[in-house]
Amino acid sequence: MTRKKRLTIGVLIEFLEGNYQSIVWPGIVDTAIENDCNLILFPGKESKRTERSEFQHEITYQLIDERKIDGLVCTSSVFTNYYGIEGALDFFQQFASIPMAHIGMKVEGAISVTIENKEAICETIEHLITEHKHKKIAFIQGPIYNNESRDR
């Protein structure tokens, strides 16, 4: 009997403590368990930082090796906070030889998992008005370079 190789998936994520990441990460872990995959976490931020304490992030990205992982899952929209949309797309090019799935950002030629932010915010506002009778609703936008934030 031939044994099938267990896949190893890299996860490119900013960190695990944030509101967004703390929701996304458990879903990635659950999916890996369901599919009997190994996970390697590559936490990092903007790779061209000048602060001495931030240099480890660039080293983290250098550890991503196509010979050691079968695919890469990326919380892509988070990286637009640092690079902008075009800069994030350029950043992802260094991993072009690795099959990638992007969360939160549509990337041409790759698997992308996104939500309909415009529809979601409209439904939320409608709910606040019709169900809770709110009349004064404030909206605080997230980072301008983040495509999910901008869509809302």
Protein backbone atom coordinates (compact mmCIF):
# COMPACT_ATOMS: atom_id res chain seq x y z
CA MET A 1 0.00 0.00 0.00
CA THR A 2 1.39 3.40 -1.02
CA ARG A 3 1.11 6.06 1.63
CA LYS A 4 0.04 9.50 0.48
CA LYS A 5 2.40 12.34 1.43
CA ARG A 6 1.01 14.61 4.13
CA LEU A 7 0.85 18.16 2.78
CA THR A 8 2.60 21.01 4.57
CA ILE A 9 0.95 24.41 4.26
CA GLY A 10 2.64 27.67 5.20
CA VAL A 11 0.54 30.46 6.68
CA LEU A 12 1.63 34.03 6.08
CA ILE A 13 -0.09 36.09 8.77
CA GLU A 14 0.75 39.32 10.56
CA PHE A 15 0.28 38.04 14.12
CA LEU A 16 -2.30 36.02 16.04
CA GLU A 17 -3.61 38.50 18.60
CA GLY A 18 -5.48 40.97 16.40
CA ASN A 19 -9.26 41.07 16.03
CA TYR A 20 -9.07 39.89 12.42
CA GLN A 21 -6.31 37.35 12.86
CA SER A 22 -7.74 35.79 16.02
CA ILE A 23 -10.86 34.91 14.02
CA VAL A 24 -9.11 33.73 10.84
CA TRP A 25 -6.35 31.63 12.47
CA PRO A 26 -8.62 29.05 14.21
CA GLY A 27 -10.42 28.46 10.89
CA ILE A 28 -7.10 27.76 9.18
CA VAL A 29 -6.11 25.36 11.97
CA ASP A 30 -9.48 23.55 11.87
CA THR A 31 -9.25 23.15 8.09
CA ALA A 32 -5.70 21.77 8.36
CA ILE A 33 -6.83 19.23 10.97
CA GLU A 34 -9.82 18.17 8.85
CA ASN A 35 -7.52 17.65 5.85
CA ASP A 36 -4.64 16.06 7.78
CA CYS A 37 -2.13 18.80 6.82
CA ASN A 38 0.90 20.17 8.63
CA LEU A 39 0.98 23.93 9.23
CA ILE A 40 4.01 26.21 9.44
CA LEU A 41 3.27 29.70 10.69
CA PHE A 42 5.22 32.63 9.20
CA PRO A 43 4.22 35.65 11.30
CA GLY A 44 5.45 38.98 10.02
CA LYS A 45 4.80 42.58 9.16
CA GLU A 46 6.24 44.99 6.65
CA SER A 47 9.63 43.61 5.64
CA LYS A 48 11.41 46.91 4.94
CA ARG A 49 11.10 48.43 8.43
CA THR A 50 13.92 50.52 9.79
CA GLU A 51 13.44 49.84 13.50
CA ARG A 52 16.03 47.39 14.79
CA SER A 53 13.37 45.36 16.60
CA GLU A 54 11.46 44.80 13.35
CA PHE A 55 14.23 43.16 11.28
CA GLN A 56 13.07 39.65 12.29
CA HIS A 57 10.08 40.05 9.99
CA GLU A 58 12.28 40.10 6.91
CA ILE A 59 14.07 36.98 8.15
CA THR A 60 10.68 35.27 8.61
CA TYR A 61 9.86 35.77 4.93
CA GLN A 62 13.24 34.38 3.90
CA LEU A 63 12.35 31.10 5.64
CA ILE A 64 9.50 30.42 3.19
CA ASP A 65 10.91 27.69 0.96
CA GLU A 66 9.02 26.02 -1.89
CA ARG A 67 10.95 22.80 -1.20
CA LYS A 68 9.52 22.61 2.32
CA ILE A 69 5.90 23.66 1.83
CA ASP A 70 3.25 22.54 -0.63
CA GLY A 71 1.20 25.71 -0.52
CA LEU A 72 0.86 29.05 1.19
CA VAL A 73 -2.22 30.63 2.78
CA CYS A 74 -1.91 34.39 3.11
CA THR A 75 -4.05 36.85 5.06
CA SER A 76 -3.47 39.17 2.14
CA SER A 77 -5.67 42.12 3.05
CA VAL A 78 -3.60 42.72 6.20
CA PHE A 79 -0.50 43.29 4.07
CA THR A 80 -2.22 46.13 2.22
CA ASN A 81 -2.03 48.08 5.50
CA TYR A 82 1.76 48.23 5.04
CA TYR A 83 2.25 48.12 1.29
CA GLY A 84 -0.97 49.35 -0.30
CA ILE A 85 -2.71 47.11 -2.82
CA GLU A 86 -0.13 47.29 -5.59
CA GLY A 87 2.74 46.98 -3.13
CA ALA A 88 1.14 43.91 -1.55
CA LEU A 89 0.76 42.30 -4.98
CA ASP A 90 4.45 43.01 -5.65
CA PHE A 91 5.36 41.57 -2.23
CA PHE A 92 3.47 38.33 -2.99
CA GLN A 93 5.44 37.88 -6.23
CA GLN A 94 8.43 36.58 -4.28
CA PHE A 95 6.29 33.51 -3.53
CA ALA A 96 4.98 33.07 -7.09
CA SER A 97 6.48 29.57 -7.41
CA ILE A 98 4.32 28.35 -4.49
CA PRO A 99 0.58 27.69 -4.88
CA MET A 100 -1.18 30.38 -2.83
CA ALA A 101 -4.62 31.01 -1.39
CA HIS A 102 -5.40 34.60 -0.40
CA ILE A 103 -7.78 35.59 2.39
CA GLY A 104 -9.46 38.99 2.23
CA MET A 105 -8.13 40.07 -1.15
CA LYS A 106 -8.86 38.98 -4.69
CA VAL A 107 -5.63 38.10 -6.46
CA GLU A 108 -5.77 37.26 -10.15
CA GLY A 109 -4.72 33.71 -10.95
CA ALA A 110 -4.93 32.53 -7.33
CA ILE A 111 -7.56 31.12 -5.02
CA SER A 112 -9.11 34.04 -3.13
CA VAL A 113 -11.49 33.92 -0.17
CA THR A 114 -13.33 37.20 0.37
CA ILE A 115 -16.59 38.50 1.78
CA GLU A 116 -18.97 40.98 0.22
CA ASN A 117 -18.04 43.96 2.40
CA LYS A 118 -20.37 46.44 0.68
CA GLU A 119 -23.37 44.16 1.06
CA ALA A 120 -22.43 43.31 4.66
CA ILE A 121 -22.15 46.94 5.77
CA CYS A 122 -25.47 47.79 4.09
CA GLU A 123 -27.20 44.91 5.87
CA THR A 124 -25.65 45.93 9.18
CA ILE A 125 -26.83 49.53 8.87
CA GLU A 126 -30.31 48.41 7.78
CA HIS A 127 -30.47 46.12 10.82
CA LEU A 128 -29.46 48.94 13.18
CA ILE A 129 -32.16 51.18 11.73
CA THR A 130 -35.04 48.73 11.35
CA GLU A 131 -34.53 46.37 14.29
CA HIS A 132 -32.96 48.70 16.87
CA LYS A 133 -34.43 52.03 15.71
CA HIS A 134 -31.04 53.75 15.73
CA LYS A 135 -30.95 57.09 13.95
CA LYS A 136 -27.43 58.34 14.59
CA ILE A 137 -24.90 55.85 13.27
CA ALA A 138 -21.20 56.57 13.16
CA PHE A 139 -18.75 54.73 10.95
CA ILE A 140 -15.03 54.65 11.68
CA GLN A 141 -13.10 53.43 8.67
CA GLY A 142 -10.03 51.26 9.02
CA PRO A 143 -6.74 51.81 7.18
CA ILE A 144 -7.26 53.52 3.82
CA TYR A 145 -4.90 51.13 1.99
CA ASN A 146 -6.76 48.04 3.22
CA ASN A 147 -9.11 46.92 0.46
CA GLU A 148 -11.62 45.35 2.87
CA SER A 149 -11.75 48.50 4.97
CA ARG A 150 -12.07 50.70 1.90
CA ASP A 151 -14.94 48.60 0.52
CA ARG A 152 -16.93 49.10 3.70
